Amino acid sequence: MDHANGLSRGDRNRNSRLTRLRELVPPANAIAAIDLAGEKQMLVVTDHDSRVLARRTFRLAAWHMGAALDWAAEQAITAGFAGATVACEPTGHRWRVIGQLAADRSMPFVCVQPLLVARSRENENYSPDKTDDRDAVLIARLTAELRCYAPEATDEVWARLRHLGARRARHLEETSSLVQQMRDLLECAWPAMLECAAKQFKAKTWLAALAVVTDRCNGDPTRLRRLGLARFTAAVRREMPRWQAQRPCRRIVEAVFAALADTTGVTVQRRGILERVGLVLDDWRDLHRRIADTESRMVAVLDELGLTELVTSIQGLSAVNAAAILAESGDLHRFATGRALVKHSGLAPAEQTSGKLVGRTRLTGRGRPGLRTAAWRAAWGAMKSNPVYQARLVHLTTRDVGKLKPAQARCAIAARCCANCTPSSPPHAPGTPPSPPTEPA
């Protein structure tokens, strides 16, 4: 708290943000608001009191809206303004196209959250009516009120990291889906196989044994009993290199060999299911290969950005997990503080107080779900080897006042892990790596 004028840190950050937005939406500029669609774009030019100065429908794709922006600038100048600020909702990829067209014409560009437009639409006349004309005017009104934001200006390297992170996240979701699919299929046709290892899809020996069985049994695992334990073990050992391992676990091999004689399951489905499991298993292995390739590319991008030393200075945080966080957050220097990044992830606590009433504090859950997931995954890995995070987990779950549940404490650590990736120093010069963040106390 600033004792001289009573301003809090939040007040100062908000004032700074409004100052930056006012530079993009100056009173001297009119507002050119666009309601984007596929082949039809509604554009209105308004003043800062939402009075419509010009309106026009363009039946064009987004890439052909350059002439529309020129028309909006002419209408603004005709009305006595110095120029126009372009505003739109971040719809799909089209807002990026409009942003580039505006940048080519040196026109300021801002975005308005679709949620704000929807709420404003309801407050307008308490009806669910929706038209392109009304939405464009609402976008202009919210922009004039500075209820907008300046979209991230990424360069080629950061954009590449974002796309690689999106590819990795999609592949990870697919692997979870394939694991659940194989587990359900085996539980239906051959449940004994699932009892051979505690963590089946993390045990290389179990995966190699399953690959051998599905490849050779032709829907009848009992046929492999004729090989004998020694030959079956040799077959599993030859399969192990395909799973990046060498020596099989004898206990798991013996358990799988014993399960070959188990006939429990839906017999009529067994042949088709085991064939399908083998195909899905091949897809799962190929998917892991693609994930490894994507992760190596992401780490290479960190080297290109000069951030590898920064993120790996946090004990327990791997370069891959750090790259996943940065792929979702973008350039960290656009966040004033680590807390701003935590809010962007949705891991910040939402305070519920009014007078003497103190409500239950929950996570906001707003922001980027992908960033929240990346921070959560990184926290699990960091807690295993970072003594600071381990001590913090114990403190949060055992303190006398405000004790948290284990899941809540892990969310707090995920937020700290996310915040620690934010450089505490001012924006650095291009090509110069920022100073490393400090570890939490």
Protein backbone atom coordinates (compact mmCIF):
# COMPACT_ATOMS: atom_id res chain seq x y z
CA MET A 1 0.00 0.00 0.00
CA ASP A 2 1.29 3.45 -0.96
CA HIS A 3 0.88 5.40 2.32
CA ALA A 4 1.24 8.78 0.58
CA ASN A 5 -1.95 8.52 -1.48
CA GLY A 6 -3.54 5.26 -0.37
CA LEU A 7 -2.94 3.47 -3.69
CA SER A 8 -2.50 -0.27 -3.51
CA ARG A 9 -0.35 -2.34 -5.83
CA GLY A 10 -3.51 -3.40 -7.65
CA ASP A 11 -4.46 0.26 -8.14
CA ARG A 12 -1.07 1.05 -9.63
CA ASN A 13 -1.15 -1.95 -11.96
CA ARG A 14 -4.69 -1.08 -13.06
CA ASN A 15 -3.76 2.55 -13.68
CA SER A 16 -0.77 1.49 -15.73
CA ARG A 17 -2.92 -0.88 -17.79
CA LEU A 18 -5.53 1.83 -18.42
CA THR A 19 -2.79 4.23 -19.49
CA ARG A 20 -1.52 1.74 -22.06
CA LEU A 21 -5.05 1.13 -23.34
CA ARG A 22 -5.74 4.87 -23.60
CA GLU A 23 -2.72 5.15 -25.88
CA LEU A 24 -4.37 2.59 -28.18
CA VAL A 25 -7.85 4.13 -27.89
CA PRO A 26 -7.13 7.91 -27.77
CA PRO A 27 -10.01 10.40 -27.77
CA ALA A 28 -8.71 11.72 -31.10
CA ASN A 29 -9.51 8.39 -32.78
CA ALA A 30 -12.86 7.02 -33.79
CA ILE A 31 -13.57 3.34 -33.14
CA ALA A 32 -13.94 0.90 -36.02
CA ALA A 33 -15.66 -2.16 -34.51
CA ILE A 34 -15.96 -5.37 -36.52
CA ASP A 35 -18.24 -8.33 -35.84
CA LEU A 36 -16.32 -11.13 -37.55
CA ALA A 37 -17.81 -14.10 -39.37
CA GLY A 38 -16.82 -16.42 -42.20
CA GLU A 39 -17.79 -14.54 -45.35
CA LYS A 40 -19.76 -11.65 -43.84
CA GLN A 41 -18.27 -8.87 -41.72
CA MET A 42 -20.21 -6.07 -40.07
CA LEU A 43 -18.20 -2.87 -39.52
CA VAL A 44 -19.39 0.20 -37.67
CA VAL A 45 -17.52 3.44 -37.02
CA THR A 46 -18.50 5.19 -33.78
CA ASP A 47 -17.34 7.98 -31.54
CA HIS A 48 -16.53 7.50 -27.86
CA ASP A 49 -20.20 7.95 -26.89
CA SER A 50 -21.19 4.97 -29.08
CA ARG A 51 -22.87 7.22 -31.64
CA VAL A 52 -22.69 5.43 -34.96
CA LEU A 53 -20.94 7.54 -37.60
CA ALA A 54 -20.99 4.95 -40.40
CA ARG A 55 -22.08 1.37 -40.88
CA ARG A 56 -21.43 -1.11 -43.66
CA THR A 57 -21.65 -4.84 -44.31
CA PHE A 58 -18.75 -6.43 -46.19
CA ARG A 59 -19.36 -9.82 -47.76
CA LEU A 60 -15.70 -10.70 -47.78
CA ALA A 61 -13.38 -13.14 -46.07
CA ALA A 62 -11.18 -11.72 -43.33
CA TRP A 63 -8.09 -11.58 -45.56
CA HIS A 64 -9.87 -9.17 -47.91
CA MET A 65 -10.84 -6.67 -45.20
CA GLY A 66 -7.98 -4.29 -45.96
CA ALA A 67 -10.25 -2.15 -48.12
CA ALA A 68 -12.83 -2.14 -45.29
CA LEU A 69 -10.25 -0.76 -42.86
CA ASP A 70 -9.31 1.93 -45.38
CA TRP A 71 -13.00 2.84 -45.66
CA ALA A 72 -13.31 3.03 -41.85
CA ALA A 73 -10.28 5.34 -41.63
CA GLU A 74 -11.76 7.61 -44.30
CA GLN A 75 -15.09 7.78 -42.47
CA ALA A 76 -13.31 8.64 -39.21
CA ILE A 77 -11.32 11.45 -40.85
CA THR A 78 -14.46 12.77 -42.53
CA ALA A 79 -16.15 12.95 -39.12
CA GLY A 80 -13.28 15.03 -37.76
CA PHE A 81 -11.16 12.37 -36.09
CA ALA A 82 -7.43 11.84 -36.60
CA GLY A 83 -7.90 8.15 -37.41
CA ALA A 84 -9.55 4.98 -36.19
CA THR A 85 -8.80 2.28 -33.65
CA VAL A 86 -9.80 -1.19 -34.83
CA ALA A 87 -11.62 -3.45 -32.35
CA CYS A 88 -13.10 -6.93 -32.63
CA GLU A 89 -13.74 -10.11 -30.70
CA PRO A 90 -10.96 -12.75 -30.74
CA THR A 91 -12.98 -15.07 -32.99
CA GLY A 92 -11.07 -18.12 -34.18
CA HIS A 93 -8.08 -17.11 -36.30
CA ARG A 94 -9.78 -14.15 -38.00
CA TRP A 95 -8.85 -11.63 -35.33
CA ARG A 96 -5.19 -12.32 -36.07
CA VAL A 97 -5.83 -11.52 -39.72
CA ILE A 98 -7.52 -8.22 -38.81
CA GLY A 99 -4.65 -7.46 -36.44
CA GLN A 100 -2.09 -7.88 -39.20
CA LEU A 101 -4.13 -5.80 -41.66
CA ALA A 102 -4.43 -3.06 -39.03
CA ALA A 103 -0.69 -3.18 -38.29
CA ASP A 104 0.08 -2.84 -42.00
CA ARG A 105 -1.92 0.41 -41.95
CA SER A 106 -0.49 1.66 -38.62
CA MET A 107 -3.96 1.50 -37.06
CA PRO A 108 -4.18 0.67 -33.32
CA PHE A 109 -5.82 -2.69 -32.66
CA VAL A 110 -7.55 -4.06 -29.53
CA CYS A 111 -9.76 -7.03 -28.70
CA VAL A 112 -12.89 -7.36 -26.57
CA GLN A 113 -13.71 -10.55 -24.68
CA PRO A 114 -16.80 -12.35 -26.10
CA LEU A 115 -18.08 -12.85 -22.53
CA LEU A 116 -18.24 -9.08 -22.03
CA VAL A 117 -20.15 -8.69 -25.30
CA ALA A 118 -22.63 -11.37 -24.26
CA ARG A 119 -23.20 -9.77 -20.86
CA SER A 120 -23.59 -6.33 -22.44
CA ARG A 121 -26.09 -7.78 -24.91
CA GLU A 122 -28.21 -9.03 -22.01
CA ASN A 123 -27.96 -5.72 -20.16
CA GLU A 124 -28.95 -3.76 -23.26
CA ASN A 125 -32.63 -4.73 -23.28
CA TYR A 126 -32.87 -7.88 -21.12
CA SER A 127 -33.45 -10.10 -24.15
CA PRO A 128 -31.36 -12.81 -25.80
CA ASP A 129 -31.60 -11.11 -29.21
CA LYS A 130 -28.36 -11.26 -31.18
CA THR A 131 -27.57 -9.51 -34.44
CA ASP A 132 -24.31 -8.58 -36.11
CA ASP A 133 -25.24 -4.88 -36.08
CA ARG A 134 -25.85 -4.81 -32.34
CA ASP A 135 -22.73 -6.82 -31.53
CA ALA A 136 -20.54 -4.45 -33.53
CA VAL A 137 -21.95 -1.45 -31.65
CA LEU A 138 -21.46 -3.24 -28.32
CA ILE A 139 -17.83 -3.96 -29.23
CA ALA A 140 -17.34 -0.27 -29.97
CA ARG A 141 -18.98 0.75 -26.68
CA LEU A 142 -16.83 -1.59 -24.61
CA THR A 143 -13.74 -0.34 -26.40
CA ALA A 144 -14.62 3.26 -25.64
CA GLU A 145 -14.97 2.28 -21.96
CA LEU A 146 -11.50 0.67 -22.16
CA ARG A 147 -13.03 -2.70 -21.36
CA CYS A 148 -10.73 -4.24 -23.92
CA TYR A 149 -7.17 -5.49 -24.07
CA ALA A 150 -4.15 -5.29 -26.30
CA PRO A 151 -3.54 -8.74 -27.83
CA GLU A 152 -0.14 -10.32 -27.49
CA ALA A 153 2.31 -9.28 -30.17
CA THR A 154 4.27 -12.48 -30.79
CA ASP A 155 7.31 -12.95 -32.96
CA GLU A 156 8.06 -16.02 -35.05
CA VAL A 157 9.92 -17.88 -32.31
CA TRP A 158 7.22 -17.42 -29.65
CA ALA A 159 4.53 -18.30 -32.19
CA ARG A 160 6.37 -21.51 -33.02
CA LEU A 161 6.58 -22.44 -29.34
CA ARG A 162 2.85 -21.85 -28.95
CA HIS A 163 2.01 -24.15 -31.85
CA LEU A 164 4.36 -26.87 -30.64
CA GLY A 165 2.79 -26.63 -27.18
CA ALA A 166 -0.69 -26.98 -28.68
CA ARG A 167 0.44 -30.07 -30.60
CA ARG A 168 1.95 -31.62 -27.47
CA ALA A 169 -1.18 -30.92 -25.41
CA ARG A 170 -3.38 -32.57 -28.04
CA HIS A 171 -1.14 -35.63 -28.18
CA LEU A 172 -1.20 -35.96 -24.40
CA GLU A 173 -4.98 -35.93 -24.44
CA GLU A 174 -4.95 -38.60 -27.14
CA THR A 175 -2.62 -40.83 -25.10
CA SER A 176 -4.98 -40.65 -22.13
CA SER A 177 -7.87 -41.57 -24.39
CA LEU A 178 -6.00 -44.55 -25.87
CA VAL A 179 -4.99 -45.82 -22.42
CA GLN A 180 -8.58 -45.70 -21.21
CA GLN A 181 -9.71 -47.42 -24.38
CA MET A 182 -7.22 -50.30 -23.97
CA ARG A 183 -8.07 -50.66 -20.29
CA ASP A 184 -11.79 -50.93 -21.04
CA LEU A 185 -11.23 -53.44 -23.84
CA LEU A 186 -9.00 -55.69 -21.74
CA GLU A 187 -11.40 -55.52 -18.81
CA CYS A 188 -14.10 -56.85 -21.15
CA ALA A 189 -12.21 -59.63 -22.91
CA TRP A 190 -9.15 -60.50 -20.77
CA PRO A 191 -9.31 -58.91 -17.28
CA ALA A 192 -6.54 -61.17 -15.95
CA MET A 193 -3.99 -59.19 -17.98
CA LEU A 194 -4.74 -56.03 -16.02
CA GLU A 195 -3.84 -57.78 -12.75
CA CYS A 196 -0.30 -58.57 -13.84
CA ALA A 197 1.10 -55.12 -12.93
CA ALA A 198 0.04 -52.34 -10.60
CA LYS A 199 0.67 -49.50 -13.09
CA GLN A 200 0.21 -51.32 -16.33
CA PHE A 201 0.82 -48.56 -18.85
CA LYS A 202 3.95 -47.35 -17.05
CA ALA A 203 5.52 -50.82 -16.85
CA LYS A 204 7.68 -51.43 -19.93
CA THR A 205 7.68 -55.18 -19.36
CA TRP A 206 3.88 -55.31 -19.22
CA LEU A 207 3.60 -53.30 -22.44
CA ALA A 208 6.13 -55.51 -24.23
CA ALA A 209 4.33 -58.65 -23.04
CA LEU A 210 0.99 -57.30 -24.23
CA ALA A 211 2.52 -56.51 -27.63
CA VAL A 212 3.86 -60.07 -27.90
CA VAL A 213 0.51 -61.60 -26.97
CA THR A 214 -1.61 -59.45 -29.30
CA ASP A 215 0.82 -60.03 -32.17
CA ARG A 216 0.98 -63.84 -31.87
CA CYS A 217 -2.13 -65.17 -30.14
CA ASN A 218 -4.68 -64.55 -32.93
CA GLY A 219 -7.35 -63.88 -30.33
CA ASP A 220 -6.52 -66.91 -28.14
CA PRO A 221 -3.84 -66.18 -25.48
CA THR A 222 -3.79 -69.84 -24.37
CA ARG A 223 -1.98 -70.71 -27.61
CA LEU A 224 1.17 -69.00 -26.31
CA ARG A 225 1.29 -71.36 -23.33
CA ARG A 226 2.83 -73.91 -25.68
CA LEU A 227 5.93 -71.73 -25.98
CA GLY A 228 6.85 -72.33 -22.37
CA LEU A 229 7.99 -69.70 -19.90
CA ALA A 230 11.58 -69.56 -21.21
CA ARG A 231 10.67 -68.94 -24.85
CA PHE A 232 7.91 -66.50 -23.87
CA THR A 233 10.43 -64.58 -21.73
CA ALA A 234 12.85 -64.50 -24.66
CA ALA A 235 10.13 -63.10 -26.92
CA VAL A 236 9.35 -60.36 -24.39
CA ARG A 237 13.07 -59.56 -24.08
CA ARG A 238 13.34 -59.11 -27.85
CA GLU A 239 10.33 -56.76 -27.72
CA MET A 240 11.75 -54.59 -24.92
CA PRO A 241 13.96 -52.32 -27.13
CA ARG A 242 10.85 -51.13 -28.96
CA TRP A 243 9.71 -49.71 -25.59
CA GLN A 244 13.08 -48.07 -24.78
CA ALA A 245 14.03 -50.73 -22.23
CA GLN A 246 16.37 -53.73 -22.12
CA ARG A 247 15.75 -56.11 -19.23
CA PRO A 248 12.23 -57.42 -18.55
CA CYS A 249 10.84 -57.74 -15.02
CA ARG A 250 10.67 -61.46 -14.35
CA ARG A 251 7.75 -61.11 -11.91
CA ILE A 252 5.57 -59.40 -14.51
CA VAL A 253 6.56 -61.87 -17.24
CA GLU A 254 5.61 -64.80 -15.02
CA ALA A 255 2.30 -63.15 -14.11
CA VAL A 256 1.46 -62.56 -17.77
CA PHE A 257 2.41 -66.14 -18.66
CA ALA A 258 0.08 -67.40 -15.94
CA ALA A 259 -2.70 -65.12 -17.19
CA LEU A 260 -2.49 -66.73 -20.62
CA ALA A 261 -4.48 -69.66 -19.26
CA ASP A 262 -7.21 -67.47 -17.78
CA THR A 263 -10.43 -67.71 -19.82
CA THR A 264 -12.36 -65.04 -17.92
CA GLY A 265 -13.98 -62.51 -20.21
CA VAL A 266 -16.51 -62.20 -23.00
CA THR A 267 -15.31 -65.08 -25.16
CA VAL A 268 -17.10 -64.11 -28.35
CA GLN A 269 -15.47 -60.66 -28.24
CA ARG A 270 -11.95 -61.78 -27.36
CA ARG A 271 -10.49 -62.23 -30.84
CA GLY A 272 -11.70 -58.91 -32.16
CA ILE A 273 -10.85 -57.05 -28.97
CA LEU A 274 -7.29 -58.35 -28.73
CA GLU A 275 -6.69 -57.47 -32.37
CA ARG A 276 -8.02 -53.99 -31.68
CA VAL A 277 -5.88 -53.67 -28.55
CA GLY A 278 -2.79 -54.51 -30.59
CA LEU A 279 -3.63 -51.82 -33.14
CA VAL A 280 -4.35 -49.24 -30.45
CA LEU A 281 -1.10 -50.20 -28.70
CA ASP A 282 0.82 -49.47 -31.91
CA ASP A 283 -0.94 -46.10 -32.16
CA TRP A 284 -0.09 -45.34 -28.53
CA ARG A 285 3.59 -46.12 -29.04
CA ASP A 286 3.75 -44.03 -32.21
CA LEU A 287 2.02 -41.20 -30.36
CA HIS A 288 4.69 -41.25 -27.66
CA ARG A 289 7.35 -41.06 -30.36
CA ARG A 290 5.68 -37.96 -31.77
CA ILE A 291 5.40 -36.45 -28.28
CA ALA A 292 9.12 -36.98 -27.71
CA ASP A 293 9.91 -35.33 -31.05
CA THR A 294 7.66 -32.35 -30.23
CA GLU A 295 9.22 -31.95 -26.79
CA SER A 296 12.72 -31.92 -28.25
CA ARG A 297 11.63 -29.18 -30.64
CA MET A 298 10.14 -27.16 -27.75
CA VAL A 299 13.35 -27.40 -25.75
CA ALA A 300 15.28 -26.26 -28.83
CA VAL A 301 13.01 -23.20 -29.02
CA LEU A 302 13.84 -22.43 -25.37
CA ASP A 303 17.51 -22.43 -26.34
CA GLU A 304 16.73 -20.11 -29.23
CA LEU A 305 14.95 -17.73 -26.85
CA GLY A 306 17.79 -17.90 -24.34
CA LEU A 307 15.43 -19.09 -21.59
CA THR A 308 16.75 -22.58 -20.89
CA GLU A 309 19.04 -21.44 -18.08
CA LEU A 310 16.26 -19.31 -16.61
CA VAL A 311 13.64 -22.04 -16.34
CA THR A 312 16.00 -24.83 -15.35
CA SER A 313 17.30 -22.71 -12.45
CA ILE A 314 14.11 -23.70 -10.62
CA GLN A 315 14.93 -27.02 -8.97
CA GLY A 316 12.61 -29.81 -10.05
CA LEU A 317 11.21 -27.96 -13.06
CA SER A 318 12.21 -29.76 -16.23
CA ALA A 319 12.85 -27.96 -19.49
CA VAL A 320 9.88 -29.73 -21.09
CA ASN A 321 7.43 -28.65 -18.37
CA ALA A 322 8.81 -25.11 -18.48
CA ALA A 323 8.42 -25.06 -22.26
CA ALA A 324 4.81 -26.23 -21.87
CA ILE A 325 4.09 -23.35 -19.46
CA LEU A 326 5.74 -20.79 -21.75
CA ALA A 327 3.90 -22.19 -24.78
CA GLU A 328 0.60 -21.39 -23.05
CA SER A 329 1.61 -18.08 -21.46
CA GLY A 330 3.55 -16.51 -24.32
CA ASP A 331 6.24 -13.89 -23.70
CA LEU A 332 6.38 -13.51 -19.91
CA HIS A 333 7.51 -9.89 -20.08
CA ARG A 334 3.97 -8.82 -20.93
CA PHE A 335 3.00 -9.74 -17.35
CA ALA A 336 3.87 -7.07 -14.79
CA THR A 337 4.21 -9.58 -11.94
CA GLY A 338 4.12 -13.30 -11.31
CA ARG A 339 0.67 -12.86 -9.78
CA ALA A 340 -0.60 -11.53 -13.12
CA LEU A 341 0.53 -14.77 -14.77
CA VAL A 342 -1.15 -16.79 -12.01
CA LYS A 343 -4.40 -14.90 -12.62
CA HIS A 344 -4.02 -15.58 -16.34
CA SER A 345 -3.84 -19.30 -15.55
CA GLY A 346 -6.92 -19.28 -13.30
CA LEU A 347 -4.95 -20.57 -10.29
CA ALA A 348 -5.37 -17.36 -8.30
CA PRO A 349 -7.74 -17.47 -5.29
CA ALA A 350 -11.01 -15.59 -5.66
CA GLU A 351 -11.57 -13.54 -2.52
CA GLN A 352 -15.11 -13.42 -1.12
CA THR A 353 -15.38 -10.68 1.52
CA SER A 354 -17.95 -8.00 2.29
CA GLY A 355 -17.85 -6.07 5.55
CA LYS A 356 -17.51 -8.63 8.33
CA LEU A 357 -18.51 -11.48 6.06
CA VAL A 358 -15.68 -13.73 4.90
CA GLY A 359 -16.78 -16.30 2.35
CA ARG A 360 -15.09 -19.43 1.12
CA THR A 361 -12.09 -18.80 -1.10
CA ARG A 362 -11.93 -20.79 -4.33
CA LEU A 363 -9.80 -20.72 -7.45
CA THR A 364 -11.06 -18.35 -10.10
CA GLY A 365 -10.86 -21.00 -12.83
CA ARG A 366 -10.69 -18.20 -15.43
CA GLY A 367 -7.96 -17.58 -17.95
CA ARG A 368 -6.24 -20.24 -20.04
CA PRO A 369 -7.14 -23.85 -19.11
CA GLY A 370 -4.07 -25.08 -20.99
CA LEU A 371 -1.78 -22.93 -18.86
CA ARG A 372 -3.48 -24.18 -15.71
CA THR A 373 -2.97 -27.80 -16.82
CA ALA A 374 0.69 -27.21 -17.73
CA ALA A 375 1.40 -25.63 -14.33
CA TRP A 376 -0.38 -28.49 -12.54
CA ARG A 377 1.69 -31.12 -14.35
CA ALA A 378 4.90 -29.19 -13.71
CA ALA A 379 4.10 -28.91 -9.99
CA TRP A 380 3.74 -32.68 -9.60
CA GLY A 381 7.20 -33.23 -11.02
CA ALA A 382 8.77 -30.36 -9.10
CA MET A 383 7.39 -31.46 -5.72
CA LYS A 384 9.32 -34.71 -5.92
CA SER A 385 12.77 -33.07 -5.95
CA ASN A 386 12.31 -29.46 -4.78
CA PRO A 387 12.70 -29.24 -0.98
CA VAL A 388 11.15 -25.75 -0.96
CA TYR A 389 7.95 -27.00 -2.57
CA GLN A 390 7.93 -30.06 -0.29
CA ALA A 391 8.23 -27.88 2.80
CA ARG A 392 5.52 -25.58 1.48
CA LEU A 393 3.18 -28.53 0.91
CA VAL A 394 3.70 -29.69 4.51
CA HIS A 395 3.19 -26.17 5.84
CA LEU A 396 -0.02 -25.54 3.90
CA THR A 397 -1.57 -28.85 4.97
CA THR A 398 -0.56 -28.73 8.65
CA ARG A 399 -0.70 -25.07 9.74
CA ASP A 400 -3.12 -24.16 12.49
CA VAL A 401 -4.92 -21.32 10.72
CA GLY A 402 -6.19 -21.69 7.15
CA LYS A 403 -5.10 -25.29 6.73
CA LEU A 404 -5.58 -26.51 3.18
CA LYS A 405 -6.51 -29.89 1.82
CA PRO A 406 -3.77 -31.70 -0.13
CA ALA A 407 -5.36 -30.91 -3.50
CA GLN A 408 -5.70 -27.24 -2.55
CA ALA A 409 -2.09 -27.12 -1.41
CA ARG A 410 -0.93 -28.63 -4.71
CA CYS A 411 -2.89 -25.95 -6.57
CA ALA A 412 -1.07 -23.31 -4.51
CA ILE A 413 2.27 -24.91 -5.42
CA ALA A 414 1.24 -25.05 -9.09
CA ALA A 415 0.51 -21.32 -8.89
CA ARG A 416 3.92 -20.70 -7.30
CA CYS A 417 5.61 -22.84 -9.96
CA CYS A 418 3.85 -20.78 -12.63
CA ALA A 419 4.79 -17.47 -10.98
CA ASN A 420 8.44 -18.48 -10.61
CA CYS A 421 8.74 -18.65 -14.40
CA THR A 422 8.11 -14.90 -14.59
CA PRO A 423 11.26 -12.75 -14.64
CA SER A 424 11.24 -10.29 -11.77
CA SER A 425 13.35 -7.76 -13.66
CA PRO A 426 12.07 -5.19 -16.19
CA PRO A 427 11.80 -6.26 -19.84
CA HIS A 428 15.22 -7.12 -21.19
CA ALA A 429 16.79 -5.99 -24.39
CA PRO A 430 16.28 -8.22 -27.45
CA GLY A 431 18.75 -11.06 -27.55
CA THR A 432 19.65 -10.70 -23.87
CA PRO A 433 18.32 -13.38 -21.51
CA PRO A 434 16.46 -12.06 -18.44
CA SER A 435 17.72 -12.56 -14.92
CA PRO A 436 16.56 -15.80 -13.22
CA PRO A 437 13.64 -15.63 -10.78
CA THR A 438 14.07 -16.20 -7.08
CA GLU A 439 12.92 -19.36 -5.34
CA PRO A 440 9.93 -19.01 -3.03
CA ALA A 441 10.63 -18.73 0.67
